[in-house]
């Protein structure tokens, strides 16, 4: 049995209905066929960052992209430093 996937706009609409007080989480959950805790989880994610809520499978929030880019850059610089240390040691040994 496969799980239903909902797009970001659908989730935002459900959260807006829940947060406006028009509908309760249990009634929404029953209507769309999810557990009511899913509605609460969606509401929390939306509350934390409405613009970037529900980025989707394989997509990340912009801050995660930046973090990944910076980590990659640090790794590259660590490798460059290691090469330069070896070169400095080699030249120091051969300059005597």
N, C-alpha and C. Protein backbone atom coordinates (compact mmCIF):
# COMPACT_ATOMS: atom_id res chain seq x y z
N UNK A 1 0.85 -1.18 0.00
CA UNK A 1 0.00 0.00 0.00
C UNK A 1 0.89 1.24 0.00
N UNK A 2 0.77 2.07 -1.01
CA UNK A 2 1.63 3.25 -1.09
C UNK A 2 0.99 4.43 -0.35
N UNK A 3 1.84 5.28 0.13
CA UNK A 3 1.37 6.45 0.85
C UNK A 3 1.08 7.57 -0.14
N UNK A 4 0.04 8.30 0.13
CA UNK A 4 -0.33 9.45 -0.70
C UNK A 4 0.65 10.59 -0.44
N UNK A 5 1.08 11.24 -1.49
CA UNK A 5 1.95 12.41 -1.35
C UNK A 5 1.15 13.65 -1.71
N UNK A 6 1.33 14.68 -0.94
CA UNK A 6 0.60 15.93 -1.15
C UNK A 6 1.59 17.03 -1.49
N UNK A 7 1.24 17.86 -2.45
CA UNK A 7 2.15 18.94 -2.83
C UNK A 7 2.09 20.07 -1.80
N UNK A 8 3.05 20.99 -1.92
CA UNK A 8 3.21 22.06 -0.94
C UNK A 8 1.97 22.94 -0.86
N UNK A 9 1.38 23.28 -2.00
CA UNK A 9 0.20 24.15 -2.00
C UNK A 9 -0.98 23.50 -1.27
N UNK A 10 -1.16 22.21 -1.49
CA UNK A 10 -2.23 21.49 -0.81
C UNK A 10 -2.02 21.54 0.70
N UNK A 11 -0.79 21.27 1.14
CA UNK A 11 -0.48 21.29 2.57
C UNK A 11 -0.72 22.68 3.15
N UNK A 12 -0.30 23.72 2.42
CA UNK A 12 -0.51 25.09 2.89
C UNK A 12 -1.99 25.40 3.03
N UNK A 13 -2.79 24.96 2.06
CA UNK A 13 -4.24 25.19 2.13
C UNK A 13 -4.84 24.49 3.35
N UNK A 14 -4.43 23.26 3.61
CA UNK A 14 -4.93 22.52 4.77
C UNK A 14 -4.54 23.24 6.07
N UNK A 15 -3.29 23.68 6.13
CA UNK A 15 -2.82 24.38 7.34
C UNK A 15 -3.58 25.68 7.54
N UNK A 16 -3.84 26.40 6.46
CA UNK A 16 -4.59 27.66 6.58
C UNK A 16 -6.01 27.42 7.09
N UNK A 17 -6.64 26.35 6.60
CA UNK A 17 -7.98 26.01 7.11
C UNK A 17 -7.92 25.69 8.60
N UNK A 18 -6.92 24.92 8.99
CA UNK A 18 -6.77 24.54 10.40
C UNK A 18 -6.47 25.76 11.27
N UNK A 19 -5.53 26.59 10.83
CA UNK A 19 -5.12 27.74 11.65
C UNK A 19 -6.19 28.82 11.72
N UNK A 20 -7.03 28.91 10.70
CA UNK A 20 -8.09 29.94 10.71
C UNK A 20 -9.20 29.59 11.70
N UNK A 21 -9.24 28.32 12.10
CA UNK A 21 -10.28 27.89 13.03
C UNK A 21 -11.52 27.39 12.32
N UNK A 22 -11.50 27.41 10.98
CA UNK A 22 -12.65 26.93 10.23
C UNK A 22 -12.87 25.44 10.42
N UNK A 23 -11.77 24.69 10.55
CA UNK A 23 -11.84 23.24 10.67
C UNK A 23 -10.88 22.77 11.76
N UNK A 24 -11.18 21.63 12.32
CA UNK A 24 -10.29 21.05 13.32
C UNK A 24 -9.32 20.09 12.63
N UNK A 25 -8.22 19.83 13.29
CA UNK A 25 -7.23 18.90 12.73
C UNK A 25 -7.83 17.50 12.53
N UNK A 26 -8.58 16.98 13.51
CA UNK A 26 -9.15 15.65 13.29
C UNK A 26 -10.12 15.59 12.09
N UNK A 27 -10.93 16.62 11.90
CA UNK A 27 -11.88 16.59 10.78
C UNK A 27 -11.15 16.68 9.44
N UNK A 28 -10.11 17.52 9.37
CA UNK A 28 -9.31 17.61 8.15
C UNK A 28 -8.59 16.30 7.87
N UNK A 29 -8.01 15.74 8.91
CA UNK A 29 -7.27 14.49 8.77
C UNK A 29 -8.19 13.37 8.27
N UNK A 30 -9.37 13.31 8.84
CA UNK A 30 -10.34 12.28 8.43
C UNK A 30 -10.74 12.48 6.96
N UNK A 31 -10.91 13.71 6.55
CA UNK A 31 -11.34 14.00 5.18
C UNK A 31 -10.28 13.62 4.14
N UNK A 32 -9.01 13.90 4.44
CA UNK A 32 -7.97 13.62 3.44
C UNK A 32 -7.27 12.29 3.66
N UNK A 33 -7.58 11.62 4.77
CA UNK A 33 -7.05 10.28 4.99
C UNK A 33 -5.66 10.22 5.58
N UNK A 34 -5.34 11.16 6.47
CA UNK A 34 -4.06 11.12 7.18
C UNK A 34 -4.34 11.14 8.67
N UNK A 35 -3.32 10.87 9.46
CA UNK A 35 -3.47 10.93 10.91
C UNK A 35 -3.50 12.41 11.32
N UNK A 36 -4.25 12.71 12.37
CA UNK A 36 -4.35 14.12 12.78
C UNK A 36 -3.00 14.71 13.17
N UNK A 37 -2.07 13.87 13.65
CA UNK A 37 -0.74 14.39 13.99
C UNK A 37 -0.02 14.93 12.76
N UNK A 38 -0.36 14.42 11.58
CA UNK A 38 0.23 14.93 10.34
C UNK A 38 -0.18 16.39 10.14
N UNK A 39 -1.43 16.71 10.43
CA UNK A 39 -1.91 18.09 10.30
C UNK A 39 -1.15 18.98 11.28
N UNK A 40 -0.96 18.50 12.51
CA UNK A 40 -0.23 19.29 13.51
C UNK A 40 1.23 19.50 13.06
N UNK A 41 1.82 18.45 12.49
CA UNK A 41 3.21 18.56 12.01
C UNK A 41 3.30 19.57 10.87
N UNK A 42 2.37 19.52 9.94
CA UNK A 42 2.35 20.47 8.84
C UNK A 42 2.19 21.90 9.37
N UNK A 43 1.33 22.07 10.36
CA UNK A 43 1.10 23.40 10.93
C UNK A 43 2.37 23.93 11.58
N UNK A 44 3.10 23.07 12.29
CA UNK A 44 4.36 23.49 12.92
C UNK A 44 5.40 23.89 11.87
N UNK A 45 5.51 23.09 10.82
CA UNK A 45 6.48 23.40 9.78
C UNK A 45 6.12 24.71 9.09
N UNK A 46 4.85 24.92 8.84
CA UNK A 46 4.40 26.16 8.20
C UNK A 46 4.64 27.36 9.11
N UNK A 47 4.38 27.19 10.40
CA UNK A 47 4.58 28.29 11.36
C UNK A 47 6.05 28.68 11.44
N UNK A 48 6.94 27.71 11.35
CA UNK A 48 8.37 27.98 11.46
C UNK A 48 8.92 28.79 10.30
N UNK A 49 8.43 28.55 9.09
CA UNK A 49 8.94 29.23 7.90
C UNK A 49 7.91 29.14 6.78
N UNK A 50 6.90 30.02 6.78
CA UNK A 50 5.82 29.92 5.79
C UNK A 50 6.30 29.99 4.34
N UNK A 51 7.31 30.80 4.07
CA UNK A 51 7.80 30.94 2.69
C UNK A 51 8.42 29.67 2.15
N UNK A 52 9.19 28.97 2.98
CA UNK A 52 9.93 27.79 2.54
C UNK A 52 9.39 26.49 3.10
N UNK A 53 8.17 26.52 3.59
CA UNK A 53 7.59 25.29 4.16
C UNK A 53 7.34 24.28 3.05
N UNK A 54 7.53 23.04 3.38
CA UNK A 54 7.25 21.92 2.47
C UNK A 54 8.05 22.02 1.17
N UNK A 55 9.38 21.97 1.25
CA UNK A 55 10.20 22.11 0.04
C UNK A 55 10.06 20.96 -0.94
N UNK A 56 9.60 19.81 -0.50
CA UNK A 56 9.40 18.69 -1.41
C UNK A 56 10.56 17.72 -1.40
N UNK A 57 10.34 16.59 -1.99
CA UNK A 57 11.33 15.54 -2.02
C UNK A 57 12.52 15.94 -2.88
N UNK A 58 13.71 15.86 -2.30
CA UNK A 58 14.92 16.20 -3.04
C UNK A 58 15.24 17.69 -3.04
N UNK A 59 14.33 18.50 -2.60
CA UNK A 59 14.57 19.94 -2.54
C UNK A 59 14.86 20.32 -1.10
N UNK A 60 15.71 21.29 -0.96
CA UNK A 60 16.06 21.72 0.38
C UNK A 60 15.78 23.20 0.54
N UNK A 61 15.66 23.59 1.77
CA UNK A 61 15.48 25.01 2.05
C UNK A 61 16.76 25.74 1.69
N UNK A 62 16.66 27.01 1.33
CA UNK A 62 17.86 27.76 0.89
C UNK A 62 19.02 27.73 1.87
N UNK A 63 18.74 27.77 3.16
CA UNK A 63 19.84 27.77 4.13
C UNK A 63 20.61 26.46 4.11
N UNK A 64 19.93 25.35 3.79
CA UNK A 64 20.63 24.07 3.70
C UNK A 64 21.53 24.01 2.47
N UNK A 65 21.07 24.63 1.38
CA UNK A 65 21.91 24.69 0.18
C UNK A 65 23.19 25.47 0.48
N UNK A 66 23.04 26.58 1.18
CA UNK A 66 24.19 27.41 1.54
C UNK A 66 25.13 26.64 2.47
N UNK A 67 24.57 25.94 3.44
CA UNK A 67 25.38 25.16 4.37
C UNK A 67 26.16 24.08 3.64
N UNK A 68 25.51 23.38 2.71
CA UNK A 68 26.18 22.34 1.94
C UNK A 68 27.30 22.94 1.08
N UNK A 69 27.05 24.09 0.47
CA UNK A 69 28.07 24.75 -0.35
C UNK A 69 29.27 25.15 0.50
N UNK A 70 29.02 25.69 1.68
CA UNK A 70 30.11 26.12 2.56
C UNK A 70 30.91 24.93 3.08
N UNK A 71 30.23 23.83 3.40
CA UNK A 71 30.96 22.64 3.85
C UNK A 71 31.85 22.09 2.74
N UNK A 72 31.34 22.11 1.52
CA UNK A 72 32.14 21.64 0.38
C UNK A 72 33.38 22.54 0.22
N UNK A 73 33.20 23.85 0.39
CA UNK A 73 34.32 24.79 0.26
C UNK A 73 35.36 24.56 1.35
N UNK A 74 34.92 24.32 2.57
CA UNK A 74 35.85 24.04 3.67
C UNK A 74 36.65 22.78 3.38
N UNK A 75 35.99 21.75 2.86
CA UNK A 75 36.68 20.50 2.53
C UNK A 75 37.74 20.75 1.46
N UNK A 76 37.40 21.53 0.44
CA UNK A 76 38.37 21.86 -0.62
C UNK A 76 39.57 22.61 -0.04
N UNK A 77 39.29 23.56 0.85
CA UNK A 77 40.38 24.34 1.45
C UNK A 77 41.25 23.46 2.34
N UNK A 78 40.67 22.53 3.06
CA UNK A 78 41.45 21.60 3.88
C UNK A 78 42.39 20.78 3.01
N UNK A 79 41.89 20.34 1.85
CA UNK A 79 42.72 19.57 0.93
C UNK A 79 43.85 20.44 0.38
N UNK A 80 43.56 21.69 0.05
CA UNK A 80 44.59 22.61 -0.45
C UNK A 80 45.67 22.85 0.59
N UNK A 81 45.25 23.01 1.84
CA UNK A 81 46.21 23.24 2.93
C UNK A 81 47.12 22.03 3.09
N UNK A 82 46.55 20.84 3.02
CA UNK A 82 47.35 19.62 3.16
C UNK A 82 48.39 19.54 2.04
N UNK A 83 48.01 19.87 0.82
CA UNK A 83 48.95 19.86 -0.31
C UNK A 83 50.06 20.88 -0.10
N UNK A 84 49.68 22.08 0.35
CA UNK A 84 50.68 23.13 0.57
C UNK A 84 51.65 22.76 1.70
N UNK A 85 51.17 22.09 2.73
CA UNK A 85 52.06 21.65 3.81
C UNK A 85 53.07 20.64 3.30
N UNK A 86 52.61 19.69 2.46
CA UNK A 86 53.52 18.71 1.89
C UNK A 86 54.55 19.37 0.98
N UNK A 87 54.10 20.34 0.20
CA UNK A 87 55.02 21.04 -0.70
C UNK A 87 56.04 21.84 0.11
N UNK A 88 55.60 22.50 1.17
CA UNK A 88 56.52 23.28 2.00
C UNK A 88 57.55 22.37 2.65
N UNK A 89 57.12 21.21 3.13
CA UNK A 89 58.05 20.27 3.74
C UNK A 89 59.04 19.75 2.71
N UNK A 90 58.59 19.45 1.52
CA UNK A 90 59.45 18.96 0.45
C UNK A 90 60.52 20.01 0.09
N UNK A 91 60.09 21.25 -0.12
CA UNK A 91 61.03 22.30 -0.49
C UNK A 91 62.00 22.66 0.65
N UNK A 92 61.51 22.59 1.88
CA UNK A 92 62.36 22.87 3.03
C UNK A 92 63.44 21.80 3.16
N UNK A 93 63.10 20.55 2.90
CA UNK A 93 64.05 19.45 2.98
C UNK A 93 65.08 19.54 1.86
N UNK A 94 64.67 19.92 0.69
CA UNK A 94 65.56 19.96 -0.49
C UNK A 94 66.35 21.25 -0.60
N UNK A 95 66.07 22.24 0.21
CA UNK A 95 66.81 23.50 0.11
C UNK A 95 68.07 23.52 0.96
N UNK A 96 68.33 22.49 1.72
CA UNK A 96 69.51 22.44 2.59
C UNK A 96 70.76 22.18 1.84
